[in-house]
Amino acid sequence: MARARAVAASGRRQSALLGVVITVLMALLLLMGAQQVRAAVGNAEIANGQIDESLAMAKSPREIFVGRWYGEMAKTDGGAKRWIVDAFPDGVFRITFRFYEEDGSYREQIEVGEWGISGPVYFLSTKGWVDDGMFLKADTRNGELYDAYKILKLDTAVFEYEHYVNGNRYQIRKVDTGFALPE
């Protein structure tokens, strides 16, 4: 009988010890899980910033490009070339170019067509021009009406690209839809 009580007492101790071990292991697992959650989420400010950044990154290059963009560059003869690109969600573009002379006068040219982005390539297919409010259809058999550019940088503020054939580089910046070219 004494032996039976000793075995029973030993069993209770082992059960208690096993319970303590399981409790300690569960506490460690919960602690490790909490540390992983803190590492993943961080404090609220970091988490909100990460969310904003993640949303911006979730936009495709095509979605980023939709809108109005402005570019300018000096001409070799002393004037300037300025342009506004309107990229519509349906893949249609309108580019308004102004070629300014040193005396401040300018001539304007408006091109319309289709645009797209595929991987690292931005491309334009000019379908015609707008002259004095009238659409003039282009001869789309002319290979010079198709342009492909290597995308160097594209984010919600700046777009840099390089023409695959002639190597010309351009930089345009996102502007409000009410932005207009200077007179």
C-alpha atoms as a PDB file:
ATOM      1  CA  MET A   1       0.000   0.000   0.000  1.00  0.00           C
ATOM      2  CA  ALA A   2       2.845   2.359   0.781  1.00  0.00           C
ATOM      3  CA  ARG A   3       4.308   1.542  -2.569  1.00  0.00           C
ATOM      4  CA  ALA A   4       1.016   2.398  -4.304  1.00  0.00           C
ATOM      5  CA  ARG A   5       0.847   5.751  -2.479  1.00  0.00           C
ATOM      6  CA  ALA A   6       4.431   6.504  -3.514  1.00  0.00           C
ATOM      7  CA  VAL A   7       3.640   5.718  -7.153  1.00  0.00           C
ATOM      8  CA  ALA A   8       0.489   7.862  -7.014  1.00  0.00           C
ATOM      9  CA  ALA A   9       2.399  10.772  -5.443  1.00  0.00           C
ATOM     10  CA  SER A  10       5.110  10.439  -8.078  1.00  0.00           C
ATOM     11  CA  GLY A  11       2.461  10.507 -10.818  1.00  0.00           C
ATOM     12  CA  ARG A  12       0.892  13.666  -9.374  1.00  0.00           C
ATOM     13  CA  ARG A  13       4.316  15.363  -9.266  1.00  0.00           C
ATOM     14  CA  GLN A  14       5.019  14.355 -12.832  1.00  0.00           C
ATOM     15  CA  SER A  15       1.590  15.657 -13.912  1.00  0.00           C
ATOM     16  CA  ALA A  16       2.187  18.917 -12.053  1.00  0.00           C
ATOM     17  CA  LEU A  17       5.670  19.217 -13.552  1.00  0.00           C
ATOM     18  CA  LEU A  18       4.290  18.469 -17.011  1.00  0.00           C
ATOM     19  CA  GLY A  19       1.615  21.152 -16.460  1.00  0.00           C
ATOM     20  CA  VAL A  20       4.285  23.682 -15.459  1.00  0.00           C
ATOM     21  CA  VAL A  21       6.413  22.783 -18.493  1.00  0.00           C
ATOM     22  CA  ILE A  22       3.421  23.112 -20.825  1.00  0.00           C
ATOM     23  CA  THR A  23       2.450  26.450 -19.229  1.00  0.00           C
ATOM     24  CA  VAL A  24       6.003  27.789 -19.609  1.00  0.00           C
ATOM     25  CA  LEU A  25       6.161  26.627 -23.247  1.00  0.00           C
ATOM     26  CA  MET A  26       2.794  28.238 -24.036  1.00  0.00           C
ATOM     27  CA  ALA A  27       3.898  31.481 -22.389  1.00  0.00           C
ATOM     28  CA  LEU A  28       7.097  31.461 -24.486  1.00  0.00           C
ATOM     29  CA  LEU A  29       5.129  30.829 -27.667  1.00  0.00           C
ATOM     30  CA  LEU A  30       2.743  33.679 -26.859  1.00  0.00           C
ATOM     31  CA  LEU A  31       5.670  35.980 -26.066  1.00  0.00           C
ATOM     32  CA  MET A  32       7.407  35.081 -29.339  1.00  0.00           C
ATOM     33  CA  GLY A  33       4.151  35.627 -31.228  1.00  0.00           C
ATOM     34  CA  ALA A  34       3.690  39.030 -29.601  1.00  0.00           C
ATOM     35  CA  GLN A  35       7.255  40.015 -30.542  1.00  0.00           C
ATOM     36  CA  GLN A  36       6.634  38.979 -34.142  1.00  0.00           C
ATOM     37  CA  VAL A  37       3.437  41.021 -34.231  1.00  0.00           C
ATOM     38  CA  ARG A  38       5.249  44.078 -32.825  1.00  0.00           C
ATOM     39  CA  ALA A  39       8.045  43.600 -35.347  1.00  0.00           C
ATOM     40  CA  ALA A  40       5.558  43.356 -38.193  1.00  0.00           C
ATOM     41  CA  VAL A  41       3.285  46.199 -37.121  1.00  0.00           C
ATOM     42  CA  GLY A  42       5.606  48.515 -35.213  1.00  0.00           C
ATOM     43  CA  ASN A  43       4.163  51.573 -33.568  1.00  0.00           C
ATOM     44  CA  ALA A  44       1.088  53.257 -35.041  1.00  0.00           C
ATOM     45  CA  GLU A  45       3.025  55.990 -36.886  1.00  0.00           C
ATOM     46  CA  ILE A  46       5.245  53.512 -38.662  1.00  0.00           C
ATOM     47  CA  ALA A  47       2.320  51.252 -39.479  1.00  0.00           C
ATOM     48  CA  ASN A  48       0.341  54.125 -41.031  1.00  0.00           C
ATOM     49  CA  GLY A  49       3.358  55.178 -43.097  1.00  0.00           C
ATOM     50  CA  GLN A  50       3.868  51.607 -44.210  1.00  0.00           C
ATOM     51  CA  ILE A  51       0.217  51.401 -45.211  1.00  0.00           C
ATOM     52  CA  ASP A  52       0.458  54.591 -47.295  1.00  0.00           C
ATOM     53  CA  GLU A  53       3.653  53.325 -48.931  1.00  0.00           C
ATOM     54  CA  SER A  54       2.093  49.935 -49.602  1.00  0.00           C
ATOM     55  CA  LEU A  55      -0.926  51.562 -51.242  1.00  0.00           C
ATOM     56  CA  ALA A  56       1.334  53.684 -53.452  1.00  0.00           C
ATOM     57  CA  MET A  57       3.332  50.601 -54.386  1.00  0.00           C
ATOM     58  CA  ALA A  58       0.121  48.700 -55.125  1.00  0.00           C
ATOM     59  CA  LYS A  59      -0.658  51.113 -57.965  1.00  0.00           C
ATOM     60  CA  SER A  60       0.506  49.854 -61.311  1.00  0.00           C
ATOM     61  CA  PRO A  61       2.713  52.089 -63.478  1.00  0.00           C
ATOM     62  CA  ARG A  62      -0.293  52.556 -65.738  1.00  0.00           C
ATOM     63  CA  GLU A  63      -2.429  53.838 -62.848  1.00  0.00           C
ATOM     64  CA  ILE A  64       0.363  56.145 -61.713  1.00  0.00           C
ATOM     65  CA  PHE A  65       0.742  57.650 -65.184  1.00  0.00           C
ATOM     66  CA  VAL A  66      -2.923  58.585 -65.629  1.00  0.00           C
ATOM     67  CA  GLY A  67      -3.320  62.344 -65.157  1.00  0.00           C
ATOM     68  CA  ARG A  68      -1.583  65.563 -66.219  1.00  0.00           C
ATOM     69  CA  TRP A  69       2.203  65.916 -66.513  1.00  0.00           C
ATOM     70  CA  TYR A  70       4.380  68.927 -67.350  1.00  0.00           C
ATOM     71  CA  GLY A  71       7.782  69.050 -69.000  1.00  0.00           C
ATOM     72  CA  GLU A  72      10.154  71.683 -70.295  1.00  0.00           C
ATOM     73  CA  MET A  73      13.562  71.895 -71.910  1.00  0.00           C
ATOM     74  CA  ALA A  74      15.752  74.532 -73.473  1.00  0.00           C
ATOM     75  CA  LYS A  75      15.964  74.623 -77.262  1.00  0.00           C
ATOM     76  CA  THR A  76      19.363  74.859 -78.917  1.00  0.00           C
ATOM     77  CA  ASP A  77      18.388  78.175 -80.556  1.00  0.00           C
ATOM     78  CA  GLY A  78      17.790  79.862 -77.190  1.00  0.00           C
ATOM     79  CA  GLY A  79      14.064  79.354 -76.850  1.00  0.00           C
ATOM     80  CA  ALA A  80      12.226  76.709 -74.839  1.00  0.00           C
ATOM     81  CA  LYS A  81       9.979  73.747 -75.443  1.00  0.00           C
ATOM     82  CA  ARG A  82       7.227  73.151 -72.876  1.00  0.00           C
ATOM     83  CA  TRP A  83       4.540  70.531 -72.952  1.00  0.00           C
ATOM     84  CA  ILE A  84       1.625  69.076 -71.066  1.00  0.00           C
ATOM     85  CA  VAL A  85       0.770  65.393 -71.342  1.00  0.00           C
ATOM     86  CA  ASP A  86      -2.803  64.414 -70.528  1.00  0.00           C
ATOM     87  CA  ALA A  87      -2.919  60.633 -70.097  1.00  0.00           C
ATOM     88  CA  PHE A  88      -6.485  59.392 -69.854  1.00  0.00           C
ATOM     89  CA  PRO A  89      -7.455  56.085 -68.190  1.00  0.00           C
ATOM     90  CA  ASP A  90      -8.739  54.641 -71.480  1.00  0.00           C
ATOM     91  CA  GLY A  91      -5.244  54.815 -73.028  1.00  0.00           C
ATOM     92  CA  VAL A  92      -5.804  58.030 -74.989  1.00  0.00           C
ATOM     93  CA  PHE A  93      -3.306  60.888 -74.764  1.00  0.00           C
ATOM     94  CA  ARG A  94      -3.210  64.550 -75.714  1.00  0.00           C
ATOM     95  CA  ILE A  95       0.121  66.353 -75.694  1.00  0.00           C
ATOM     96  CA  THR A  96       0.109  70.121 -76.006  1.00  0.00           C
ATOM     97  CA  PHE A  97       3.513  71.407 -77.105  1.00  0.00           C
ATOM     98  CA  ARG A  98       4.554  75.046 -77.068  1.00  0.00           C
ATOM     99  CA  PHE A  99       7.745  76.105 -78.785  1.00  0.00           C
ATOM    100  CA  TYR A 100       8.781  79.472 -77.326  1.00  0.00           C
ATOM    101  CA  GLU A 101      11.111  81.889 -79.083  1.00  0.00           C
ATOM    102  CA  GLU A 102      13.505  84.195 -77.243  1.00  0.00           C
ATOM    103  CA  ASP A 103      11.148  87.149 -77.782  1.00  0.00           C
ATOM    104  CA  GLY A 104       8.358  85.319 -75.899  1.00  0.00           C
ATOM    105  CA  SER A 105       6.278  84.389 -78.928  1.00  0.00           C
ATOM    106  CA  TYR A 106       5.369  80.744 -79.421  1.00  0.00           C
ATOM    107  CA  ARG A 107       3.725  78.268 -81.709  1.00  0.00           C
ATOM    108  CA  GLU A 108       1.535  75.469 -80.393  1.00  0.00           C
ATOM    109  CA  GLN A 109       1.088  71.904 -81.578  1.00  0.00           C
ATOM    110  CA  ILE A 110      -1.347  69.356 -80.133  1.00  0.00           C
ATOM    111  CA  GLU A 111      -0.869  65.641 -80.752  1.00  0.00           C
ATOM    112  CA  VAL A 112      -3.422  62.972 -79.903  1.00  0.00           C
ATOM    113  CA  GLY A 113      -3.273  59.214 -79.921  1.00  0.00           C
ATOM    114  CA  GLU A 114      -2.887  56.170 -77.730  1.00  0.00           C
ATOM    115  CA  TRP A 115      -0.411  55.499 -74.934  1.00  0.00           C
ATOM    116  CA  GLY A 116       0.549  52.445 -72.953  1.00  0.00           C
ATOM    117  CA  ILE A 117       3.007  50.997 -70.500  1.00  0.00           C
ATOM    118  CA  SER A 118       4.215  47.427 -70.651  1.00  0.00           C
ATOM    119  CA  GLY A 119       6.978  46.382 -68.275  1.00  0.00           C
ATOM    120  CA  PRO A 120       9.822  48.888 -68.628  1.00  0.00           C
ATOM    121  CA  VAL A 121       8.416  50.366 -71.864  1.00  0.00           C
ATOM    122  CA  TYR A 122       6.282  53.489 -72.308  1.00  0.00           C
ATOM    123  CA  PHE A 123       4.911  53.858 -75.814  1.00  0.00           C
ATOM    124  CA  LEU A 124       2.922  56.338 -77.883  1.00  0.00           C
ATOM    125  CA  SER A 125       0.997  55.882 -81.096  1.00  0.00           C
ATOM    126  CA  THR A 126       0.124  59.262 -82.612  1.00  0.00           C
ATOM    127  CA  LYS A 127      -3.214  59.193 -84.430  1.00  0.00           C
ATOM    128  CA  GLY A 128      -3.410  62.842 -85.426  1.00  0.00           C
ATOM    129  CA  TRP A 129      -3.209  66.494 -84.510  1.00  0.00           C
ATOM    130  CA  VAL A 130      -5.610  69.150 -83.369  1.00  0.00           C
ATOM    131  CA  ASP A 131      -5.296  72.366 -85.347  1.00  0.00           C
ATOM    132  CA  ASP A 132      -7.615  75.288 -84.596  1.00  0.00           C
ATOM    133  CA  GLY A 133     -10.091  72.908 -82.952  1.00  0.00           C
ATOM    134  CA  MET A 134     -10.159  70.519 -85.916  1.00  0.00           C
ATOM    135  CA  PHE A 135      -8.839  66.952 -85.766  1.00  0.00           C
ATOM    136  CA  LEU A 136      -6.402  66.109 -88.554  1.00  0.00           C
ATOM    137  CA  LYS A 137      -5.996  62.342 -88.933  1.00  0.00           C
ATOM    138  CA  ALA A 138      -2.464  61.021 -89.305  1.00  0.00           C
ATOM    139  CA  ASP A 139      -1.346  58.434 -91.830  1.00  0.00           C
ATOM    140  CA  THR A 140      -0.788  55.641 -89.279  1.00  0.00           C
ATOM    141  CA  ARG A 141       1.334  53.722 -91.818  1.00  0.00           C
ATOM    142  CA  ASN A 142       4.101  56.242 -91.055  1.00  0.00           C
ATOM    143  CA  GLY A 143       6.514  54.551 -88.648  1.00  0.00           C
ATOM    144  CA  GLU A 144       7.622  57.913 -87.223  1.00  0.00           C
ATOM    145  CA  LEU A 145       4.280  58.211 -85.436  1.00  0.00           C
ATOM    146  CA  TYR A 146       5.158  55.366 -83.062  1.00  0.00           C
ATOM    147  CA  ASP A 147       7.540  55.996 -80.186  1.00  0.00           C
ATOM    148  CA  ALA A 148       8.902  53.655 -77.527  1.00  0.00           C
ATOM    149  CA  TYR A 149      10.694  54.839 -74.402  1.00  0.00           C
ATOM    150  CA  LYS A 150      12.628  53.105 -71.676  1.00  0.00           C
ATOM    151  CA  ILE A 151      11.147  54.001 -68.280  1.00  0.00           C
ATOM    152  CA  LEU A 152      13.961  55.289 -66.073  1.00  0.00           C
ATOM    153  CA  LYS A 153      11.795  56.439 -63.149  1.00  0.00           C
ATOM    154  CA  LEU A 154       8.063  56.594 -62.600  1.00  0.00           C
ATOM    155  CA  ASP A 155       6.438  57.538 -59.331  1.00  0.00           C
ATOM    156  CA  THR A 156       3.505  59.708 -58.317  1.00  0.00           C
ATOM    157  CA  ALA A 157       5.551  62.920 -58.767  1.00  0.00           C
ATOM    158  CA  VAL A 158       8.184  62.390 -61.496  1.00  0.00           C
ATOM    159  CA  PHE A 159       8.447  60.441 -64.742  1.00  0.00           C
ATOM    160  CA  GLU A 160      11.811  60.048 -66.474  1.00  0.00           C
ATOM    161  CA  TYR A 161      12.097  58.211 -69.767  1.00  0.00           C
ATOM    162  CA  GLU A 162      14.509  57.718 -72.668  1.00  0.00           C
ATOM    163  CA  HIS A 163      13.675  57.275 -76.364  1.00  0.00           C
ATOM    164  CA  TYR A 164      14.843  53.855 -77.528  1.00  0.00           C
ATOM    165  CA  VAL A 165      15.868  55.037 -81.021  1.00  0.00           C
ATOM    166  CA  ASN A 166      17.414  58.500 -80.596  1.00  0.00           C
ATOM    167  CA  GLY A 167      18.413  58.308 -76.901  1.00  0.00           C
ATOM    168  CA  ASN A 168      16.753  61.618 -75.967  1.00  0.00           C
ATOM    169  CA  ARG A 169      15.889  61.778 -72.263  1.00  0.00           C
ATOM    170  CA  TYR A 170      12.883  63.526 -70.837  1.00  0.00           C
ATOM    171  CA  GLN A 171      11.606  64.340 -67.376  1.00  0.00           C
ATOM    172  CA  ILE A 172       8.082  65.409 -66.607  1.00  0.00           C
ATOM    173  CA  ARG A 173       6.373  66.044 -63.296  1.00  0.00           C
ATOM    174  CA  LYS A 174       2.800  65.414 -62.188  1.00  0.00           C
ATOM    175  CA  VAL A 175       0.699  68.566 -62.002  1.00  0.00           C
ATOM    176  CA  ASP A 176      -2.852  69.424 -61.056  1.00  0.00           C
ATOM    177  CA  THR A 177      -5.436  68.999 -63.806  1.00  0.00           C
ATOM    178  CA  GLY A 178      -5.979  72.776 -63.803  1.00  0.00           C
ATOM    179  CA  PHE A 179      -2.311  73.479 -64.595  1.00  0.00           C
ATOM    180  CA  ALA A 180      -1.784  75.362 -67.880  1.00  0.00           C
ATOM    181  CA  LEU A 181       1.222  76.235 -69.990  1.00  0.00           C
ATOM    182  CA  PRO A 182       2.546  79.767 -69.529  1.00  0.00           C
ATOM    183  CA  GLU A 183       1.558  82.311 -72.170  1.00  0.00           C
END
